[in-house]
Protein backbone atom coordinates (compact mmCIF):
# COMPACT_ATOMS: atom_id res chain seq x y z
CA UNK A 1 6.51 41.83 160.37
CA UNK A 2 5.91 38.97 157.97
CA UNK A 3 8.19 35.96 158.18
CA UNK A 4 9.03 36.12 154.47
CA UNK A 5 11.46 38.95 155.22
CA UNK A 6 13.63 36.40 157.06
CA UNK A 7 15.84 34.20 154.92
CA UNK A 8 19.11 32.55 155.84
CA UNK A 9 22.14 34.08 154.15
CA UNK A 10 23.97 31.43 152.11
CA UNK A 11 27.46 31.66 153.59
CA UNK A 12 29.20 28.59 152.18
CA UNK A 13 30.98 28.98 148.86
CA UNK A 14 29.15 26.09 147.19
CA UNK A 15 25.71 27.29 148.27
CA UNK A 16 26.43 30.78 146.92
CA UNK A 17 27.71 29.28 143.65
CA UNK A 18 24.53 27.21 143.40
CA UNK A 19 22.48 30.37 143.80
CA UNK A 20 24.29 31.92 140.85
CA UNK A 21 23.60 28.74 138.88
CA UNK A 22 19.89 29.02 139.67
CA UNK A 23 20.00 32.67 138.62
CA UNK A 24 21.68 31.86 135.30
CA UNK A 25 19.23 29.04 134.67
CA UNK A 26 16.23 31.22 135.43
CA UNK A 27 17.46 33.99 133.15
CA UNK A 28 18.17 31.50 130.37
CA UNK A 29 14.64 30.12 130.70
CA UNK A 30 13.23 33.65 130.60
CA UNK A 31 15.26 34.40 127.47
CA UNK A 32 13.94 31.28 125.71
CA UNK A 33 10.37 32.23 126.57
CA UNK A 34 10.83 35.81 125.36
CA UNK A 35 12.53 34.57 122.17
CA UNK A 36 9.65 32.22 121.44
CA UNK A 37 7.15 35.01 122.04
CA UNK A 38 8.93 37.35 119.63
CA UNK A 39 9.29 34.68 116.95
CA UNK A 40 5.58 33.91 117.23
CA UNK A 41 4.89 37.61 116.72
CA UNK A 42 6.94 37.58 113.53
CA UNK A 43 9.91 39.44 115.05
CA UNK A 44 13.59 38.55 114.82
CA UNK A 45 14.76 38.67 118.45
CA UNK A 46 18.13 40.09 119.46
CA UNK A 47 19.99 38.41 122.33
CA UNK A 48 20.27 41.64 124.36
CA UNK A 49 16.55 42.31 123.92
CA UNK A 50 15.72 38.87 125.28
CA UNK A 51 18.04 39.35 128.26
CA UNK A 52 16.85 42.82 129.29
CA UNK A 53 13.25 41.94 130.03
CA UNK A 54 11.32 42.91 133.17
CA UNK A 55 10.96 39.22 134.02
CA UNK A 56 14.71 38.66 133.98
CA UNK A 57 15.33 41.87 135.91
CA UNK A 58 12.90 40.58 138.55
CA UNK A 59 14.78 37.26 138.73
CA UNK A 60 18.04 39.17 139.10
CA UNK A 61 16.83 41.41 141.93
CA UNK A 62 15.24 38.53 143.84
CA UNK A 63 18.32 36.31 143.70
CA UNK A 64 20.78 39.10 144.46
CA UNK A 65 18.69 40.23 147.43
CA UNK A 66 18.89 36.67 148.80
CA UNK A 67 22.66 36.50 148.35
CA UNK A 68 23.31 39.97 149.80
CA UNK A 69 26.96 40.95 149.93
CA UNK A 70 28.93 41.90 146.85
CA UNK A 71 26.32 40.46 144.49
CA UNK A 72 23.54 42.67 145.83
CA UNK A 73 25.87 45.66 146.15
CA UNK A 74 26.76 45.49 142.45
CA UNK A 75 23.08 45.32 141.56
CA UNK A 76 22.40 48.38 143.69
CA UNK A 77 25.22 50.25 141.96
CA UNK A 78 23.73 49.42 138.55
CA UNK A 79 20.28 50.60 139.63
CA UNK A 80 21.59 53.89 141.01
CA UNK A 81 24.19 54.72 138.37
CA UNK A 82 21.82 54.07 135.48
CA UNK A 83 19.78 57.15 136.35
CA UNK A 84 17.62 58.30 133.49
CA UNK A 85 19.33 56.13 130.90
CA UNK A 86 17.70 52.73 131.48
CA UNK A 87 14.12 52.03 130.42
CA UNK A 88 11.75 53.12 133.16
CA UNK A 89 10.45 49.58 133.76
CA UNK A 90 13.93 48.17 134.36
CA UNK A 91 14.96 51.12 136.52
CA UNK A 92 11.93 50.60 138.76
CA UNK A 93 12.60 46.89 139.15
CA UNK A 94 16.32 47.28 139.82
CA UNK A 95 15.55 50.02 142.34
CA UNK A 96 13.95 47.31 144.51
CA UNK A 97 17.49 46.26 145.40
CA UNK A 98 17.90 49.45 147.40
CA UNK A 99 15.48 48.24 150.06
CA UNK A 100 14.72 44.57 149.40
CA UNK A 101 17.31 42.75 151.52
CA UNK A 102 16.03 39.86 153.60
CA UNK A 103 16.79 39.55 157.32
CA UNK A 104 18.82 36.81 158.95
CA UNK A 105 16.67 34.35 160.89
CA UNK A 106 17.08 34.83 164.69
CA UNK A 107 19.05 31.59 165.00
CA UNK A 108 21.62 32.71 162.42
CA UNK A 109 21.84 36.17 164.02
CA UNK A 110 22.41 34.55 167.41
CA UNK A 111 25.28 32.45 166.03
CA UNK A 112 26.93 35.55 164.53
CA UNK A 113 26.76 37.43 167.85
CA UNK A 114 27.96 34.42 169.82
CA UNK A 115 30.96 34.31 167.51
CA UNK A 116 31.59 38.00 168.19
CA UNK A 117 30.97 38.22 171.97
CA UNK A 118 30.38 34.72 173.32
CA UNK A 119 27.23 32.96 174.54
CA UNK A 120 26.41 35.62 177.13
CA UNK A 121 26.43 38.46 174.59
CA UNK A 122 22.98 39.68 175.71
CA UNK A 123 24.46 40.72 179.09
CA UNK A 124 26.15 43.61 177.29
CA UNK A 125 22.75 45.22 176.78
CA UNK A 126 19.86 46.26 178.98
CA UNK A 127 17.59 45.72 175.99
CA UNK A 128 18.16 44.21 172.53
CA UNK A 129 15.50 44.47 169.81
CA UNK A 130 15.61 41.25 167.82
CA UNK A 131 13.64 42.62 164.87
CA UNK A 132 16.00 44.60 162.61
CA UNK A 133 15.21 48.24 161.93
CA UNK A 134 17.03 48.09 158.56
CA UNK A 135 18.69 45.62 156.22
CA UNK A 136 21.11 46.27 153.39
CA UNK A 137 23.58 44.45 151.16
CA UNK A 138 26.29 43.72 153.73
CA UNK A 139 24.54 43.79 157.10
CA UNK A 140 21.37 44.45 159.07
CA UNK A 141 20.81 46.98 161.85
CA UNK A 142 19.30 46.45 165.31
CA UNK A 143 18.42 48.92 168.04
CA UNK A 144 19.65 48.21 171.56
CA UNK A 145 20.05 49.93 174.92
CA UNK A 146 23.27 49.78 176.92
CA UNK A 147 23.25 49.25 180.68
CA UNK A 148 23.86 52.99 181.19
CA UNK A 149 20.69 53.81 179.20
CA UNK A 150 22.44 54.91 176.02
CA UNK A 151 20.44 53.86 172.94
CA UNK A 152 22.60 52.47 170.13
CA UNK A 153 22.28 51.13 166.60
CA UNK A 154 24.11 47.88 165.99
CA UNK A 155 25.09 46.88 162.47
CA UNK A 156 25.68 43.14 162.16
CA UNK A 157 27.40 41.78 159.07
CA UNK A 158 25.90 38.80 157.28
CA UNK A 159 28.01 35.63 157.71
CA UNK A 160 30.24 34.73 154.79
CA UNK A 161 29.84 38.10 153.06
CA UNK A 162 33.44 39.26 153.50
CA UNK A 163 34.87 35.92 152.41
CA UNK A 164 32.60 35.76 149.33
CA UNK A 165 33.45 39.15 147.82
CA UNK A 166 35.96 38.00 145.20
CA UNK A 167 33.87 35.02 144.10
CA UNK A 168 30.64 37.04 143.99
CA UNK A 169 32.19 39.79 141.85
CA UNK A 170 33.70 37.20 139.52
CA UNK A 171 30.35 35.40 139.22
CA UNK A 172 28.51 38.63 138.38
CA UNK A 173 31.22 39.43 135.81
CA UNK A 174 30.76 35.96 134.28
CA UNK A 175 27.01 36.57 133.97
CA UNK A 176 27.72 39.87 132.22
CA UNK A 177 30.13 38.24 129.80
CA UNK A 178 27.75 35.37 129.03
CA UNK A 179 25.00 37.88 128.36
CA UNK A 180 27.06 39.39 125.46
CA UNK A 181 26.00 42.80 126.78
CA UNK A 182 29.67 43.77 126.97
CA UNK A 183 31.94 43.78 123.89
CA UNK A 184 34.76 41.23 123.99
CA UNK A 185 37.25 44.06 123.50
CA UNK A 186 36.21 45.84 126.71
CA UNK A 187 38.68 45.21 129.54
CA UNK A 188 36.72 45.24 132.80
CA UNK A 189 39.47 43.60 134.88
CA UNK A 190 40.77 46.86 136.44
CA UNK A 191 37.23 47.89 137.41
CA UNK A 192 36.53 44.49 138.94
CA UNK A 193 39.74 44.71 140.97
CA UNK A 194 38.72 48.13 142.30
CA UNK A 195 35.18 46.91 143.06
CA UNK A 196 36.61 44.03 145.09
CA UNK A 197 38.90 46.37 146.99
CA UNK A 198 36.11 48.81 147.85
CA UNK A 199 33.79 46.01 148.93
CA UNK A 200 36.51 44.56 151.18
CA UNK A 201 36.87 47.99 152.75
CA UNK A 202 33.11 48.25 153.25
CA UNK A 203 33.10 44.85 154.96
CA UNK A 204 35.69 46.05 157.51
CA UNK A 205 33.61 47.69 160.22
CA UNK A 206 36.68 48.83 162.19
CA UNK A 207 37.70 50.83 159.15
CA UNK A 208 34.18 52.24 158.85
CA UNK A 209 34.29 53.36 162.48
CA UNK A 210 37.45 55.32 161.66
CA UNK A 211 35.74 57.00 158.69
CA UNK A 212 32.71 57.82 160.86
CA UNK A 213 34.95 59.58 163.37
CA UNK A 214 36.71 61.39 160.51
CA UNK A 215 33.44 62.74 159.11
CA UNK A 216 32.28 63.65 162.58
CA UNK A 217 35.38 65.84 162.93
CA UNK A 218 35.07 67.34 159.43
CA UNK A 219 31.44 68.32 160.01
CA UNK A 220 31.68 69.25 163.70
CA UNK A 221 29.62 72.37 164.29
CA UNK A 222 27.88 72.16 160.91
CA UNK A 223 24.18 72.75 161.69
CA UNK A 224 23.00 70.91 158.57
CA UNK A 225 24.29 67.45 159.49
CA UNK A 226 24.51 64.97 162.33
CA UNK A 227 26.96 62.06 162.33
CA UNK A 228 26.72 59.18 164.83
CA UNK A 229 29.66 58.30 167.08
CA UNK A 230 30.90 54.68 167.19
CA UNK A 231 31.05 52.78 170.46
CA UNK A 232 34.62 51.55 170.22
CA UNK A 233 34.55 48.98 173.02
CA UNK A 234 31.69 47.09 171.35
CA UNK A 235 32.74 47.40 167.70
CA UNK A 236 34.78 44.94 165.69
CA UNK A 237 35.40 43.92 162.08
CA UNK A 238 31.93 42.38 161.68
CA UNK A 239 29.80 44.27 164.24
CA UNK A 240 29.62 48.08 164.40
CA UNK A 241 27.86 49.77 167.33
CA UNK A 242 27.10 53.50 167.23
CA UNK A 243 24.79 56.14 168.67
CA UNK A 244 21.20 55.67 167.59
CA UNK A 245 20.24 58.89 165.83
CA UNK A 246 16.48 59.29 165.31
CA UNK A 247 15.33 60.25 161.85
CA UNK A 248 12.89 59.39 159.10
CA UNK A 249 13.72 58.06 155.61
CA UNK A 250 15.07 60.85 153.41
CA UNK A 251 12.03 60.29 151.13
CA UNK A 252 9.87 62.00 153.77
CA UNK A 253 11.63 65.26 152.90
CA UNK A 254 9.45 65.27 149.78
CA UNK A 255 6.53 66.38 151.93
CA UNK A 256 8.35 69.47 153.20
CA UNK A 257 7.94 72.95 151.74
CA UNK A 258 10.18 74.21 148.92
CA UNK A 259 12.49 76.22 151.18
CA UNK A 260 13.10 73.23 153.47
CA UNK A 261 13.80 70.88 150.55
CA UNK A 262 16.15 73.42 148.98
CA UNK A 263 18.06 73.93 152.24
CA UNK A 264 18.56 70.19 152.78
CA UNK A 265 19.59 69.48 149.19
CA UNK A 266 21.80 72.58 149.14
CA UNK A 267 23.61 71.17 152.16
CA UNK A 268 24.01 67.72 150.56
CA UNK A 269 25.20 69.08 147.22
CA UNK A 270 27.50 71.49 149.04
CA UNK A 271 28.94 68.53 150.96
CA UNK A 272 29.73 66.73 147.69
CA UNK A 273 31.57 69.82 146.41
CA UNK A 274 33.52 70.10 149.67
CA UNK A 275 34.39 66.39 149.57
CA UNK A 276 35.74 66.74 146.04
CA UNK A 277 37.45 70.13 146.15
CA UNK A 278 38.22 70.72 149.84
CA UNK A 279 38.39 67.49 151.84
CA UNK A 280 40.00 65.31 149.16
CA UNK A 281 37.93 62.56 150.75
CA UNK A 282 34.50 61.32 149.77
CA UNK A 283 31.79 58.96 150.97
CA UNK A 284 31.14 57.48 147.52
CA UNK A 285 27.89 55.58 148.15
CA UNK A 286 24.87 57.89 147.63
CA UNK A 287 22.28 55.20 148.30
CA UNK A 288 19.23 57.06 149.60
CA UNK A 289 19.12 54.74 152.64
CA UNK A 290 22.38 56.35 153.82
CA UNK A 291 20.52 59.58 154.63
CA UNK A 292 17.85 60.23 157.25
CA UNK A 293 15.77 63.37 157.73
CA UNK A 294 15.01 65.08 161.02
CA UNK A 295 12.01 67.31 160.39
CA UNK A 296 12.12 68.78 163.91
CA UNK A 297 15.76 69.93 163.65
CA UNK A 298 16.06 70.41 159.88
CA UNK A 299 19.19 68.24 159.86
CA UNK A 300 20.27 65.37 157.62
CA UNK A 301 21.63 62.29 159.39
CA UNK A 302 24.60 60.79 157.55
CA UNK A 303 24.99 57.02 157.80
CA UNK A 304 27.22 54.28 156.39
CA UNK A 305 30.81 55.36 155.87
CA UNK A 306 32.17 52.07 154.54
CA UNK A 307 32.58 53.51 151.03
CA UNK A 308 34.51 56.60 152.21
CA UNK A 309 37.82 56.87 150.38
CA UNK A 310 40.47 59.43 149.39
CA UNK A 311 39.99 61.30 146.12
CA UNK A 312 43.31 61.38 144.20
CA UNK A 313 44.68 64.88 143.62
CA UNK A 314 44.76 64.21 139.88
CA UNK A 315 41.04 63.38 139.89
CA UNK A 316 40.20 66.55 141.83
CA UNK A 317 42.33 68.62 139.42
CA UNK A 318 40.62 67.07 136.38
CA UNK A 319 37.15 67.75 137.82
CA UNK A 320 38.19 71.32 138.63
CA UNK A 321 39.18 71.89 134.98
CA UNK A 322 35.93 70.23 133.89
CA UNK A 323 33.91 72.63 136.06
CA UNK A 324 35.90 75.66 134.84
CA UNK A 325 35.28 74.63 131.22
CA UNK A 326 31.57 74.22 131.90
CA UNK A 327 31.31 77.58 133.63
CA UNK A 328 33.13 79.20 130.67
CA UNK A 329 30.76 77.38 128.30
CA UNK A 330 33.78 76.34 126.24
CA UNK A 331 32.99 73.14 124.23
CA UNK A 332 36.62 72.54 123.20
CA UNK A 333 37.88 72.86 126.79
CA UNK A 334 35.04 70.60 127.94
CA UNK A 335 36.12 67.88 125.52
CA UNK A 336 39.70 68.14 126.76
CA UNK A 337 38.51 67.92 130.37
CA UNK A 338 36.27 64.94 129.60
CA UNK A 339 39.31 63.17 128.16
CA UNK A 340 41.45 64.11 131.17
CA UNK A 341 38.98 62.91 133.78
CA UNK A 342 38.49 59.72 131.75
CA UNK A 343 34.80 59.94 130.89
CA UNK A 344 35.63 59.28 127.25
CA UNK A 345 38.57 57.92 125.28
CA UNK A 346 40.20 59.62 122.29
CA UNK A 347 38.85 56.83 120.06
CA UNK A 348 35.28 57.33 121.32
CA UNK A 349 35.48 61.10 120.92
CA UNK A 350 36.86 60.76 117.40
CA UNK A 351 34.32 58.17 116.26
CA UNK A 352 31.30 59.88 117.86
CA UNK A 353 32.21 63.58 117.59
CA UNK A 354 28.75 64.75 116.37
CA UNK A 355 26.96 62.95 119.22
CA UNK A 356 29.29 64.49 121.82
CA UNK A 357 28.96 67.93 120.23
CA UNK A 358 25.17 67.63 120.50
CA UNK A 359 25.32 66.37 124.09
CA UNK A 360 27.68 69.15 125.20
CA UNK A 361 25.54 71.81 123.54
CA UNK A 362 22.42 70.60 125.35
CA UNK A 363 24.16 70.42 128.73
CA UNK A 364 25.71 73.87 128.39
CA UNK A 365 22.35 75.35 127.45
CA UNK A 366 20.54 73.66 130.33
CA UNK A 367 23.12 73.74 133.11
CA UNK A 368 24.56 77.12 132.24
CA UNK A 369 21.41 79.08 132.97
CA UNK A 370 21.93 81.80 135.59
CA UNK A 371 19.80 81.91 138.74
CA UNK A 372 18.11 78.92 140.30
CA UNK A 373 18.56 75.54 138.64
CA UNK A 374 15.37 73.46 138.76
CA UNK A 375 16.36 69.83 139.18
CA UNK A 376 12.83 68.64 138.40
CA UNK A 377 13.10 70.08 134.89
CA UNK A 378 14.09 66.99 132.89
CA UNK A 379 13.24 68.45 129.49
CA UNK A 380 16.83 67.97 128.34
CA UNK A 381 17.09 64.28 129.26
CA UNK A 382 15.47 62.94 126.07
CA UNK A 383 17.97 64.87 123.93
CA UNK A 384 20.92 63.64 125.97
CA UNK A 385 19.58 60.08 125.88
CA UNK A 386 19.49 60.16 122.07
CA UNK A 387 23.18 61.10 121.97
CA UNK A 388 24.04 58.46 124.58
CA UNK A 389 22.19 55.79 122.60
CA UNK A 390 24.10 56.76 119.47
CA UNK A 391 27.42 56.38 121.30
CA UNK A 392 26.32 53.15 122.99
CA UNK A 393 25.36 51.60 119.67
CA UNK A 394 29.01 51.87 118.59
CA UNK A 395 30.25 48.92 120.64
CA UNK A 396 33.77 49.20 119.22
CA UNK A 397 34.08 52.59 120.91
CA UNK A 398 32.89 51.54 124.38
CA UNK A 399 35.11 52.78 127.19
CA UNK A 400 35.24 52.33 130.96
CA UNK A 401 36.39 55.40 132.91
CA UNK A 402 39.02 54.98 135.63
CA UNK A 403 37.66 53.60 138.90
CA UNK A 404 38.52 56.86 140.73
CA UNK A 405 36.32 58.79 138.31
CA UNK A 406 33.50 56.26 138.53
CA UNK A 407 33.41 56.38 142.34
CA UNK A 408 33.32 60.19 142.38
CA UNK A 409 30.75 60.41 139.60
CA UNK A 410 28.59 57.84 141.34
CA UNK A 411 28.30 60.21 144.33
CA UNK A 412 27.72 63.26 142.12
CA UNK A 413 25.05 61.52 140.04
CA UNK A 414 23.34 59.94 143.04
CA UNK A 415 23.09 63.28 144.84
CA UNK A 416 21.70 64.89 141.69
CA UNK A 417 19.07 62.14 141.44
CA UNK A 418 18.04 62.82 145.03
CA UNK A 419 17.78 66.54 144.19
CA UNK A 420 15.54 65.61 141.24
CA UNK A 421 13.40 63.50 143.56
CA UNK A 422 13.05 66.48 145.92
CA UNK A 423 12.36 68.94 143.08
CA UNK A 424 15.09 71.15 144.54
CA UNK A 425 15.81 74.63 143.20
CA UNK A 426 19.41 75.67 143.82
CA UNK A 427 21.91 78.29 142.57
CA UNK A 428 23.93 75.47 141.02
CA UNK A 429 26.19 77.60 138.86
CA UNK A 430 27.12 79.86 141.78
CA UNK A 431 27.75 76.88 144.08
CA UNK A 432 30.10 75.26 141.59
CA UNK A 433 31.89 78.54 140.86
CA UNK A 434 32.53 79.10 144.56
CA UNK A 435 33.73 75.53 145.07
CA UNK A 436 36.32 75.72 142.26
CA UNK A 437 37.33 79.31 142.86
CA UNK A 438 35.98 80.59 139.54
């Protein structure tokens, strides 16, 4: 492994703030260069056009991957939630955040584990593999063997991440405001508060261990999934030890035959429907790295339960009405349900009625087809994008859905994107009808 994957995590508040300053300065320089280029070409540059360049997206991903923590997590959420709606170049660059975290240098890792278990921490293991097997926004994962021969995965949180959540989220919000990408009238404070709360929960590994046990019980006996079990005596708020479950990246499922891909994606989509309409509890982070594929058993390994959270009954009820309206192919009921679940506001729906009518018509036509739904068929996306762009151009009508809706929709959309990646063919209409009792 090359040494450039190791980079010390800036844990002090001032060093993290300085990193944001470097990021802002780099983006500003990139904007000036892009503005000069456009002026030289005889164009009149718009501020948003100069900000959303591949060069600036590259600066953003590189700096956020160095900071890790809340900063990187927010970038990952943007890359995943954007789906088909961002330009392909920006989507590809932002997607680097899903697997571009740097590792802690061994000396920093050693200090973290000394703080957790004392100087003789290695005596707890028969073998400890110093090279991480994975790295993400909040922590990195090592494989180890306990004295009794049990192989475990050990997730170690980056130092300073938990304490930096509020400041990191506020700094990202400041960058967004300075960019003028968001209208001044848009109130993002409630969403920022919810983002901070969820990130605090994700940084609490004792809480994650509880959610892991909960999912293990919910899915006990389900042949489609395997959930690791935490090792309670070794786990704490900043270190989480669990069974090591072998598996390959979920991307390797792409090489399987159609029936195998359909079975795996049917199980994952079915899990989302059960989370929403049966469990009332959902793991809301659909990052592809949270799934592993076991080709020999045909099972999906579920990882990372930090983002698991209750789904409010009102949110479940609103989604149920939304699904019923879609199954009935009733545009008026769909609009009412979209308002109820909070996807749109009355003002937005009133100002952009033709665009929403067009979008709903396309979705009903495409999603309402009987039989197998082919996720790889993206023929409708261009039409939907045109309607979305029309709505987005009306900045006075911009609206942020409630956080509960955003967290649920993030899981729904992320699972759908994975199904697209796997070119799955599923009886989508029948699955939804069964889930909502239609």
